């Protein structure tokens, strides 16, 4: 899937994929896609649970895991990999 998207982007954007603006816009899209399930999980999917403690526990764990994912992605964005010669 990733190679398909990269191939399409390379066809449409060409050498502009190397620019910093394109990289940060694509990373912003990834962050938005990672944050989208938070609303769904917190307000829609937990309504079927009858036990309020279980509902709260699932919300806390899910939000923690999403936060850790976003933190990991931010650290990886700041520490850009070195270009191999």
N, C-alpha and C. Protein backbone atom coordinates (compact mmCIF):
# COMPACT_ATOMS: atom_id res chain seq x y z
N UNK A 1 0.83 -1.19 0.00
CA UNK A 1 0.00 0.00 0.00
C UNK A 1 0.88 1.26 0.00
N UNK A 2 1.92 1.24 0.81
CA UNK A 2 2.80 2.40 0.88
C UNK A 2 3.49 2.65 -0.47
N UNK A 3 3.94 1.57 -1.10
CA UNK A 3 4.63 1.73 -2.39
C UNK A 3 3.67 2.26 -3.46
N UNK A 4 2.41 1.86 -3.40
CA UNK A 4 1.42 2.36 -4.34
C UNK A 4 1.23 3.87 -4.17
N UNK A 5 1.07 4.29 -2.92
CA UNK A 5 0.89 5.73 -2.66
C UNK A 5 2.13 6.53 -3.06
N UNK A 6 3.30 6.00 -2.72
CA UNK A 6 4.52 6.71 -3.09
C UNK A 6 4.67 6.80 -4.61
N UNK A 7 4.28 5.74 -5.31
CA UNK A 7 4.32 5.77 -6.77
C UNK A 7 3.37 6.81 -7.35
N UNK A 8 2.17 6.91 -6.78
CA UNK A 8 1.21 7.91 -7.25
C UNK A 8 1.70 9.32 -6.95
N UNK A 9 2.21 9.53 -5.73
CA UNK A 9 2.73 10.85 -5.39
C UNK A 9 3.92 11.22 -6.26
N UNK A 10 4.77 10.25 -6.55
CA UNK A 10 5.93 10.54 -7.39
C UNK A 10 5.49 10.93 -8.80
N UNK A 11 4.43 10.28 -9.29
CA UNK A 11 3.94 10.59 -10.62
C UNK A 11 3.34 12.00 -10.68
N UNK A 12 2.58 12.38 -9.64
CA UNK A 12 1.91 13.68 -9.66
C UNK A 12 2.79 14.83 -9.20
N UNK A 13 3.63 14.58 -8.19
CA UNK A 13 4.42 15.66 -7.61
C UNK A 13 5.87 15.66 -8.07
N UNK A 14 6.35 14.56 -8.59
CA UNK A 14 7.71 14.50 -9.12
C UNK A 14 8.77 14.76 -8.07
N UNK A 15 9.66 15.67 -8.38
CA UNK A 15 10.77 15.97 -7.47
C UNK A 15 10.35 16.86 -6.31
N UNK A 16 9.11 17.35 -6.30
CA UNK A 16 8.65 18.17 -5.18
C UNK A 16 8.48 17.37 -3.90
N UNK A 17 8.51 16.04 -4.01
CA UNK A 17 8.37 15.21 -2.81
C UNK A 17 9.55 15.39 -1.87
N UNK A 18 10.66 15.87 -2.35
CA UNK A 18 11.85 16.04 -1.53
C UNK A 18 11.74 17.30 -0.68
N UNK A 19 10.91 18.25 -1.08
CA UNK A 19 10.83 19.52 -0.36
C UNK A 19 10.30 19.32 1.06
N UNK A 20 10.75 20.17 1.95
CA UNK A 20 10.36 20.09 3.35
C UNK A 20 8.88 20.32 3.57
N UNK A 21 8.28 21.19 2.78
CA UNK A 21 6.85 21.49 2.93
C UNK A 21 6.02 20.25 2.64
N UNK A 22 6.35 19.55 1.57
CA UNK A 22 5.61 18.34 1.22
C UNK A 22 5.72 17.29 2.31
N UNK A 23 6.91 17.14 2.86
CA UNK A 23 7.13 16.14 3.91
C UNK A 23 6.30 16.48 5.14
N UNK A 24 6.30 17.74 5.55
CA UNK A 24 5.55 18.11 6.74
C UNK A 24 4.04 18.04 6.51
N UNK A 25 3.57 18.34 5.31
CA UNK A 25 2.14 18.21 5.02
C UNK A 25 1.73 16.74 5.08
N UNK A 26 2.53 15.86 4.54
CA UNK A 26 2.20 14.44 4.60
C UNK A 26 2.24 13.92 6.04
N UNK A 27 3.17 14.41 6.83
CA UNK A 27 3.20 14.02 8.24
C UNK A 27 1.99 14.55 8.98
N UNK A 28 1.53 15.74 8.62
CA UNK A 28 0.32 16.28 9.23
C UNK A 28 -0.89 15.42 8.88
N UNK A 29 -0.95 14.95 7.65
CA UNK A 29 -2.05 14.06 7.25
C UNK A 29 -2.02 12.78 8.08
N UNK A 30 -0.84 12.23 8.30
CA UNK A 30 -0.71 11.01 9.10
C UNK A 30 -1.15 11.27 10.54
N UNK A 31 -0.79 12.40 11.11
CA UNK A 31 -1.19 12.73 12.48
C UNK A 31 -2.71 12.86 12.56
N UNK A 32 -3.31 13.52 11.59
CA UNK A 32 -4.77 13.67 11.58
C UNK A 32 -5.44 12.30 11.50
N UNK A 33 -4.92 11.42 10.65
CA UNK A 33 -5.49 10.07 10.55
C UNK A 33 -5.31 9.28 11.84
N UNK A 34 -4.24 9.53 12.58
CA UNK A 34 -4.04 8.85 13.85
C UNK A 34 -4.94 9.41 14.95
N UNK A 35 -5.34 10.67 14.86
CA UNK A 35 -6.16 11.29 15.89
C UNK A 35 -7.65 11.03 15.65
N UNK A 36 -8.05 10.77 14.44
CA UNK A 36 -9.47 10.57 14.13
C UNK A 36 -10.17 9.51 14.99
N UNK A 37 -9.57 8.36 15.27
CA UNK A 37 -10.28 7.37 16.08
C UNK A 37 -10.52 7.78 17.52
N UNK A 38 -9.86 8.81 18.00
CA UNK A 38 -10.05 9.24 19.39
C UNK A 38 -11.49 9.68 19.61
N UNK A 39 -12.02 10.51 18.74
CA UNK A 39 -13.42 10.94 18.88
C UNK A 39 -14.35 9.74 18.81
N UNK A 40 -14.14 8.91 17.82
CA UNK A 40 -15.01 7.75 17.64
C UNK A 40 -14.99 6.85 18.86
N UNK A 41 -13.84 6.59 19.39
CA UNK A 41 -13.73 5.70 20.54
C UNK A 41 -14.29 6.33 21.80
N UNK A 42 -14.06 7.61 22.00
CA UNK A 42 -14.49 8.25 23.24
C UNK A 42 -15.98 8.54 23.29
N UNK A 43 -16.59 8.83 22.17
CA UNK A 43 -17.98 9.28 22.21
C UNK A 43 -18.98 8.33 21.54
N UNK A 44 -18.54 7.44 20.70
CA UNK A 44 -19.48 6.59 19.97
C UNK A 44 -19.37 5.11 20.32
N UNK A 45 -18.17 4.56 20.38
CA UNK A 45 -18.02 3.11 20.47
C UNK A 45 -18.19 2.56 21.87
N UNK A 46 -18.04 3.38 22.88
CA UNK A 46 -18.15 2.88 24.25
C UNK A 46 -19.56 2.93 24.79
N UNK A 47 -20.53 3.34 24.01
CA UNK A 47 -21.90 3.43 24.50
C UNK A 47 -22.51 2.07 24.77
N UNK A 48 -22.03 1.03 24.12
CA UNK A 48 -22.59 -0.30 24.32
C UNK A 48 -22.15 -0.94 25.62
N UNK A 49 -21.11 -0.39 26.24
CA UNK A 49 -20.64 -0.96 27.51
C UNK A 49 -21.58 -0.54 28.63
N UNK A 50 -21.99 -1.53 29.44
CA UNK A 50 -22.91 -1.22 30.54
C UNK A 50 -22.16 -0.84 31.82
N UNK A 51 -20.97 -1.39 31.99
CA UNK A 51 -20.20 -1.10 33.19
C UNK A 51 -19.40 0.19 32.97
N UNK A 52 -19.65 1.18 33.80
CA UNK A 52 -19.00 2.49 33.64
C UNK A 52 -17.51 2.42 33.93
N UNK A 53 -17.09 1.54 34.83
CA UNK A 53 -15.67 1.42 35.15
C UNK A 53 -14.92 0.86 33.95
N UNK A 54 -15.47 -0.16 33.31
CA UNK A 54 -14.85 -0.72 32.11
C UNK A 54 -14.78 0.32 31.00
N UNK A 55 -15.84 1.07 30.85
CA UNK A 55 -15.87 2.12 29.82
C UNK A 55 -14.77 3.15 30.06
N UNK A 56 -14.64 3.59 31.30
CA UNK A 56 -13.62 4.58 31.65
C UNK A 56 -12.22 4.00 31.45
N UNK A 57 -12.02 2.75 31.82
CA UNK A 57 -10.72 2.11 31.69
C UNK A 57 -10.32 1.98 30.21
N UNK A 58 -11.26 1.59 29.38
CA UNK A 58 -10.99 1.47 27.95
C UNK A 58 -10.65 2.83 27.36
N UNK A 59 -11.37 3.86 27.76
CA UNK A 59 -11.09 5.21 27.27
C UNK A 59 -9.69 5.67 27.68
N UNK A 60 -9.33 5.46 28.93
CA UNK A 60 -8.02 5.90 29.41
C UNK A 60 -6.90 5.15 28.69
N UNK A 61 -7.04 3.84 28.58
CA UNK A 61 -6.01 3.06 27.90
C UNK A 61 -5.89 3.43 26.43
N UNK A 62 -7.01 3.59 25.76
CA UNK A 62 -6.97 3.93 24.34
C UNK A 62 -6.36 5.31 24.12
N UNK A 63 -6.76 6.29 24.93
CA UNK A 63 -6.21 7.63 24.80
C UNK A 63 -4.72 7.64 25.10
N UNK A 64 -4.28 6.86 26.08
CA UNK A 64 -2.86 6.76 26.40
C UNK A 64 -2.09 6.19 25.22
N UNK A 65 -2.62 5.12 24.63
CA UNK A 65 -1.92 4.51 23.50
C UNK A 65 -1.86 5.43 22.29
N UNK A 66 -2.92 6.17 22.03
CA UNK A 66 -2.91 7.13 20.91
C UNK A 66 -1.90 8.24 21.20
N UNK A 67 -1.87 8.72 22.45
CA UNK A 67 -0.91 9.76 22.81
C UNK A 67 0.53 9.26 22.64
N UNK A 68 0.78 8.03 23.05
CA UNK A 68 2.14 7.48 22.91
C UNK A 68 2.50 7.30 21.42
N UNK A 69 1.53 6.92 20.61
CA UNK A 69 1.78 6.80 19.17
C UNK A 69 2.15 8.15 18.57
N UNK A 70 1.39 9.18 18.94
CA UNK A 70 1.68 10.52 18.41
C UNK A 70 3.01 11.05 18.93
N UNK A 71 3.34 10.75 20.18
CA UNK A 71 4.62 11.15 20.73
C UNK A 71 5.77 10.46 19.99
N UNK A 72 5.60 9.18 19.72
CA UNK A 72 6.62 8.44 18.97
C UNK A 72 6.80 9.01 17.57
N UNK A 73 5.70 9.34 16.93
CA UNK A 73 5.78 9.92 15.59
C UNK A 73 6.45 11.29 15.62
N UNK A 74 6.17 12.09 16.66
CA UNK A 74 6.79 13.40 16.79
C UNK A 74 8.30 13.27 17.00
N UNK A 75 8.70 12.33 17.83
CA UNK A 75 10.14 12.13 18.06
C UNK A 75 10.82 11.67 16.77
N UNK A 76 10.17 10.77 16.04
CA UNK A 76 10.74 10.31 14.78
C UNK A 76 10.80 11.44 13.75
N UNK A 77 9.86 12.38 13.81
CA UNK A 77 9.88 13.51 12.90
C UNK A 77 11.02 14.47 13.24
N UNK A 78 11.24 14.69 14.53
CA UNK A 78 12.30 15.61 14.94
C UNK A 78 13.67 15.01 14.65
N UNK A 79 13.84 13.74 14.94
CA UNK A 79 15.11 13.06 14.66
C UNK A 79 15.04 12.47 13.27
N UNK A 80 15.29 13.28 12.30
CA UNK A 80 15.22 12.81 10.92
C UNK A 80 16.37 11.86 10.65
N UNK A 81 16.11 10.81 9.90
CA UNK A 81 17.19 9.84 9.63
C UNK A 81 18.30 10.46 8.78
N UNK A 82 19.50 9.96 8.98
CA UNK A 82 20.62 10.44 8.20
C UNK A 82 20.56 9.82 6.81
N UNK A 83 20.92 10.59 5.84
CA UNK A 83 20.94 10.11 4.46
C UNK A 83 22.14 9.20 4.27
N UNK A 84 21.91 8.02 3.76
CA UNK A 84 22.99 7.08 3.52
C UNK A 84 23.67 7.44 2.20
N UNK A 85 24.99 7.64 2.23
CA UNK A 85 25.68 8.06 0.99
C UNK A 85 25.74 6.93 -0.02
